[in-house]
Amino acid sequence: MFEVIAEPNRRQILDLLRERERPVGELVAELGLSQPGVSKHLRVLREAGLVDVTTDAQRRLYRIRPEPLREIDEWLMPYRAAWRSRLDALEQHLDEMPD
């Protein structure tokens, strides 16, 4: 999963799809990439389960699937807690320093 979202263009696609579902053409216009390039990234995201596609007449609409991202968020939770405690300790140390 991390290999999939490590690619910057895929993260941009997920950011755009977070706002609302979009057709490929709109993603191409927003990203400034070629249509085949965007389609390749969408295929990788779809195979990873991060996006779904539906057909609306002639258009294929892509939307984000939040479930796999929730799994990543849950995995990161203990790391966030560790970072928070270290940042709190640093803030306390800086507050105790003389001016």
N, C-alpha and C. Protein backbone atom coordinates (compact mmCIF):
# COMPACT_ATOMS: atom_id res chain seq x y z
N MET A 1 0.82 -1.19 0.00
CA MET A 1 0.00 0.00 0.00
C MET A 1 0.87 1.27 0.00
N PHE A 2 1.94 1.23 0.81
CA PHE A 2 2.79 2.41 0.90
C PHE A 2 3.48 2.71 -0.42
N GLU A 3 3.83 1.65 -1.18
CA GLU A 3 4.45 1.87 -2.49
C GLU A 3 3.50 2.61 -3.41
N VAL A 4 2.22 2.29 -3.29
CA VAL A 4 1.21 2.92 -4.15
C VAL A 4 1.09 4.40 -3.84
N ILE A 5 0.96 4.74 -2.57
CA ILE A 5 0.75 6.15 -2.22
C ILE A 5 2.05 6.94 -2.11
N ALA A 6 3.19 6.26 -2.25
CA ALA A 6 4.47 6.98 -2.24
C ALA A 6 4.66 7.82 -3.50
N GLU A 7 3.99 7.45 -4.58
CA GLU A 7 4.15 8.16 -5.86
C GLU A 7 3.36 9.48 -5.79
N PRO A 8 4.02 10.63 -6.01
CA PRO A 8 3.38 11.94 -5.85
C PRO A 8 2.13 12.16 -6.71
N ASN A 9 2.14 11.69 -7.96
CA ASN A 9 0.95 11.89 -8.80
C ASN A 9 -0.25 11.13 -8.27
N ARG A 10 -0.01 9.97 -7.70
CA ARG A 10 -1.11 9.19 -7.12
C ARG A 10 -1.67 9.89 -5.90
N ARG A 11 -0.79 10.49 -5.10
CA ARG A 11 -1.28 11.25 -3.94
C ARG A 11 -2.10 12.44 -4.40
N GLN A 12 -1.68 13.10 -5.48
CA GLN A 12 -2.46 14.22 -6.02
C GLN A 12 -3.83 13.74 -6.50
N ILE A 13 -3.88 12.60 -7.14
CA ILE A 13 -5.16 12.05 -7.59
C ILE A 13 -6.05 11.79 -6.38
N LEU A 14 -5.50 11.19 -5.34
CA LEU A 14 -6.30 10.94 -4.13
C LEU A 14 -6.78 12.25 -3.52
N ASP A 15 -5.93 13.28 -3.52
CA ASP A 15 -6.34 14.58 -3.00
C ASP A 15 -7.52 15.15 -3.79
N LEU A 16 -7.46 15.02 -5.11
CA LEU A 16 -8.56 15.53 -5.95
C LEU A 16 -9.83 14.71 -5.74
N LEU A 17 -9.69 13.42 -5.61
CA LEU A 17 -10.86 12.56 -5.42
C LEU A 17 -11.43 12.69 -4.02
N ARG A 18 -10.65 13.18 -3.10
CA ARG A 18 -11.15 13.43 -1.75
C ARG A 18 -12.26 14.47 -1.78
N GLU A 19 -12.14 15.43 -2.69
CA GLU A 19 -13.13 16.50 -2.81
C GLU A 19 -14.45 15.98 -3.38
N ARG A 20 -14.34 15.16 -4.45
CA ARG A 20 -15.54 14.61 -5.11
C ARG A 20 -15.09 13.63 -6.18
N GLU A 21 -16.05 12.82 -6.67
CA GLU A 21 -15.70 11.91 -7.76
C GLU A 21 -15.47 12.71 -9.03
N ARG A 22 -14.61 12.17 -9.88
CA ARG A 22 -14.21 12.89 -11.09
C ARG A 22 -13.99 11.93 -12.25
N PRO A 23 -14.23 12.41 -13.48
CA PRO A 23 -13.87 11.61 -14.66
C PRO A 23 -12.38 11.77 -14.96
N VAL A 24 -11.85 10.87 -15.75
CA VAL A 24 -10.43 10.90 -16.11
C VAL A 24 -10.04 12.24 -16.73
N GLY A 25 -10.87 12.75 -17.64
CA GLY A 25 -10.54 14.00 -18.33
C GLY A 25 -10.32 15.16 -17.37
N GLU A 26 -11.11 15.21 -16.32
CA GLU A 26 -10.95 16.28 -15.33
C GLU A 26 -9.65 16.10 -14.55
N LEU A 27 -9.31 14.86 -14.24
CA LEU A 27 -8.04 14.61 -13.56
C LEU A 27 -6.85 14.98 -14.44
N VAL A 28 -6.96 14.66 -15.73
CA VAL A 28 -5.91 15.02 -16.69
C VAL A 28 -5.70 16.54 -16.68
N ALA A 29 -6.81 17.29 -16.76
CA ALA A 29 -6.73 18.75 -16.79
C ALA A 29 -6.12 19.31 -15.50
N GLU A 30 -6.51 18.75 -14.37
CA GLU A 30 -6.01 19.24 -13.07
C GLU A 30 -4.54 18.92 -12.86
N LEU A 31 -4.12 17.74 -13.30
CA LEU A 31 -2.74 17.29 -13.03
C LEU A 31 -1.74 17.71 -14.10
N GLY A 32 -2.23 17.99 -15.29
CA GLY A 32 -1.32 18.33 -16.38
C GLY A 32 -0.53 17.14 -16.88
N LEU A 33 -1.04 15.94 -16.66
CA LEU A 33 -0.40 14.72 -17.16
C LEU A 33 -1.15 14.25 -18.40
N SER A 34 -0.56 13.31 -19.11
CA SER A 34 -1.24 12.73 -20.27
C SER A 34 -2.38 11.83 -19.79
N GLN A 35 -3.35 11.61 -20.67
CA GLN A 35 -4.47 10.73 -20.34
C GLN A 35 -3.99 9.31 -20.05
N PRO A 36 -3.07 8.75 -20.87
CA PRO A 36 -2.57 7.42 -20.54
C PRO A 36 -1.84 7.37 -19.19
N GLY A 37 -1.13 8.43 -18.86
CA GLY A 37 -0.43 8.49 -17.58
C GLY A 37 -1.39 8.48 -16.40
N VAL A 38 -2.43 9.29 -16.50
CA VAL A 38 -3.44 9.33 -15.43
C VAL A 38 -4.15 7.99 -15.34
N SER A 39 -4.49 7.41 -16.48
CA SER A 39 -5.16 6.11 -16.48
C SER A 39 -4.30 5.03 -15.83
N LYS A 40 -2.99 5.08 -16.07
CA LYS A 40 -2.07 4.12 -15.46
C LYS A 40 -2.10 4.26 -13.94
N HIS A 41 -2.02 5.50 -13.46
CA HIS A 41 -2.06 5.73 -12.01
C HIS A 41 -3.40 5.30 -11.42
N LEU A 42 -4.48 5.57 -12.12
CA LEU A 42 -5.80 5.16 -11.64
C LEU A 42 -5.91 3.63 -11.57
N ARG A 43 -5.32 2.95 -12.53
CA ARG A 43 -5.34 1.49 -12.51
C ARG A 43 -4.62 0.96 -11.28
N VAL A 44 -3.46 1.54 -10.98
CA VAL A 44 -2.69 1.11 -9.81
C VAL A 44 -3.49 1.38 -8.53
N LEU A 45 -4.11 2.57 -8.45
CA LEU A 45 -4.92 2.91 -7.28
C LEU A 45 -6.13 1.99 -7.16
N ARG A 46 -6.74 1.66 -8.28
CA ARG A 46 -7.90 0.76 -8.28
C ARG A 46 -7.49 -0.65 -7.85
N GLU A 47 -6.38 -1.14 -8.37
CA GLU A 47 -5.90 -2.48 -8.00
C GLU A 47 -5.53 -2.56 -6.51
N ALA A 48 -5.10 -1.43 -5.95
CA ALA A 48 -4.77 -1.38 -4.51
C ALA A 48 -6.01 -1.20 -3.66
N GLY A 49 -7.16 -0.99 -4.29
CA GLY A 49 -8.41 -0.82 -3.55
C GLY A 49 -8.64 0.58 -3.03
N LEU A 50 -7.84 1.55 -3.51
CA LEU A 50 -7.97 2.92 -3.02
C LEU A 50 -9.00 3.75 -3.78
N VAL A 51 -9.36 3.34 -4.99
CA VAL A 51 -10.40 4.04 -5.75
C VAL A 51 -11.37 3.03 -6.35
N ASP A 52 -12.58 3.49 -6.55
CA ASP A 52 -13.62 2.74 -7.26
C ASP A 52 -13.94 3.49 -8.53
N VAL A 53 -14.48 2.78 -9.51
CA VAL A 53 -14.91 3.41 -10.75
C VAL A 53 -16.34 2.98 -11.04
N THR A 54 -17.14 3.93 -11.49
CA THR A 54 -18.50 3.65 -11.93
C THR A 54 -18.67 4.24 -13.32
N THR A 55 -19.61 3.70 -14.06
CA THR A 55 -19.88 4.19 -15.40
C THR A 55 -21.15 5.00 -15.38
N ASP A 56 -21.07 6.21 -15.96
CA ASP A 56 -22.22 7.10 -16.09
C ASP A 56 -22.32 7.46 -17.56
N ALA A 57 -23.20 6.74 -18.28
CA ALA A 57 -23.32 6.89 -19.74
C ALA A 57 -21.96 6.59 -20.36
N GLN A 58 -21.32 7.58 -20.98
CA GLN A 58 -20.02 7.38 -21.64
C GLN A 58 -18.83 7.64 -20.72
N ARG A 59 -19.09 8.18 -19.53
CA ARG A 59 -18.00 8.56 -18.64
C ARG A 59 -17.73 7.51 -17.58
N ARG A 60 -16.47 7.40 -17.22
CA ARG A 60 -16.08 6.58 -16.08
C ARG A 60 -15.72 7.55 -14.96
N LEU A 61 -16.42 7.42 -13.85
CA LEU A 61 -16.20 8.31 -12.72
C LEU A 61 -15.42 7.57 -11.63
N TYR A 62 -14.39 8.23 -11.14
CA TYR A 62 -13.54 7.65 -10.10
C TYR A 62 -13.83 8.34 -8.78
N ARG A 63 -13.83 7.53 -7.72
CA ARG A 63 -14.03 8.08 -6.38
C ARG A 63 -13.11 7.33 -5.41
N ILE A 64 -12.79 8.00 -4.35
CA ILE A 64 -11.88 7.43 -3.35
C ILE A 64 -12.62 6.41 -2.50
N ARG A 65 -11.91 5.38 -2.09
CA ARG A 65 -12.41 4.39 -1.13
C ARG A 65 -11.66 4.63 0.17
N PRO A 66 -12.34 5.13 1.19
CA PRO A 66 -11.63 5.51 2.42
C PRO A 66 -11.19 4.35 3.31
N GLU A 67 -11.76 3.17 3.13
CA GLU A 67 -11.45 2.06 4.04
C GLU A 67 -9.96 1.72 4.10
N PRO A 68 -9.26 1.55 2.98
CA PRO A 68 -7.83 1.24 3.08
C PRO A 68 -7.04 2.37 3.74
N LEU A 69 -7.47 3.61 3.55
CA LEU A 69 -6.77 4.74 4.17
C LEU A 69 -7.00 4.75 5.67
N ARG A 70 -8.17 4.29 6.11
CA ARG A 70 -8.43 4.18 7.55
C ARG A 70 -7.48 3.16 8.18
N GLU A 71 -7.22 2.07 7.45
CA GLU A 71 -6.28 1.06 7.96
C GLU A 71 -4.90 1.66 8.16
N ILE A 72 -4.46 2.48 7.22
CA ILE A 72 -3.16 3.15 7.34
C ILE A 72 -3.18 4.11 8.52
N ASP A 73 -4.28 4.86 8.65
CA ASP A 73 -4.42 5.80 9.76
C ASP A 73 -4.35 5.08 11.10
N GLU A 74 -5.02 3.94 11.21
CA GLU A 74 -4.99 3.17 12.46
C GLU A 74 -3.58 2.65 12.74
N TRP A 75 -2.86 2.23 11.69
CA TRP A 75 -1.50 1.76 11.87
C TRP A 75 -0.59 2.89 12.36
N LEU A 76 -0.83 4.11 11.87
CA LEU A 76 0.00 5.26 12.25
C LEU A 76 -0.31 5.81 13.65
N MET A 77 -1.46 5.46 14.21
CA MET A 77 -1.90 6.03 15.48
C MET A 77 -0.85 5.95 16.59
N PRO A 78 -0.23 4.80 16.85
CA PRO A 78 0.76 4.77 17.94
C PRO A 78 1.99 5.64 17.64
N TYR A 79 2.33 5.78 16.37
CA TYR A 79 3.46 6.64 16.03
C TYR A 79 3.12 8.10 16.29
N ARG A 80 1.89 8.48 15.96
CA ARG A 80 1.45 9.85 16.24
C ARG A 80 1.51 10.14 17.73
N ALA A 81 1.10 9.18 18.54
CA ALA A 81 1.14 9.36 19.99
C ALA A 81 2.58 9.54 20.46
N ALA A 82 3.50 8.78 19.91
CA ALA A 82 4.92 8.91 20.29
C ALA A 82 5.45 10.28 19.87
N TRP A 83 5.11 10.72 18.66
CA TRP A 83 5.57 12.03 18.19
C TRP A 83 5.00 13.13 19.08
N ARG A 84 3.73 13.00 19.42
CA ARG A 84 3.06 14.02 20.24
C ARG A 84 3.74 14.13 21.60
N SER A 85 4.07 12.98 22.22
CA SER A 85 4.70 13.04 23.55
C SER A 85 6.09 13.66 23.44
N ARG A 86 6.80 13.36 22.37
CA ARG A 86 8.14 13.96 22.20
C ARG A 86 8.05 15.46 21.95
N LEU A 87 7.06 15.87 21.17
CA LEU A 87 6.88 17.30 20.92
C LEU A 87 6.44 18.02 22.19
N ASP A 88 5.60 17.38 22.99
CA ASP A 88 5.19 17.97 24.27
C ASP A 88 6.40 18.13 25.18
N ALA A 89 7.28 17.13 25.22
CA ALA A 89 8.49 17.20 26.04
C ALA A 89 9.40 18.32 25.55
N LEU A 90 9.54 18.46 24.25
CA LEU A 90 10.35 19.53 23.70
C LEU A 90 9.76 20.89 24.05
N GLU A 91 8.45 21.02 23.92
CA GLU A 91 7.80 22.29 24.25
C GLU A 91 8.02 22.64 25.72
N GLN A 92 7.88 21.63 26.59
CA GLN A 92 8.10 21.87 28.02
C GLN A 92 9.55 22.29 28.27
N HIS A 93 10.50 21.64 27.62
CA HIS A 93 11.91 21.98 27.78
C HIS A 93 12.17 23.41 27.32
N LEU A 94 11.61 23.79 26.18
CA LEU A 94 11.80 25.15 25.68
C LEU A 94 11.15 26.19 26.60
N ASP A 95 10.01 25.85 27.17
CA ASP A 95 9.34 26.77 28.11
C ASP A 95 10.15 26.97 29.37
N GLU A 96 10.91 25.96 29.78
CA GLU A 96 11.70 26.04 30.99
C GLU A 96 13.04 26.74 30.79
N MET A 97 13.43 26.97 29.55
CA MET A 97 14.70 27.63 29.27
C MET A 97 14.61 29.12 29.61
N PRO A 98 15.70 29.65 30.16
CA PRO A 98 15.69 31.10 30.45
C PRO A 98 15.72 31.89 29.14
N ASP A 99 15.09 33.04 29.16
CA ASP A 99 15.05 33.90 27.96
C ASP A 99 16.32 34.55 27.67
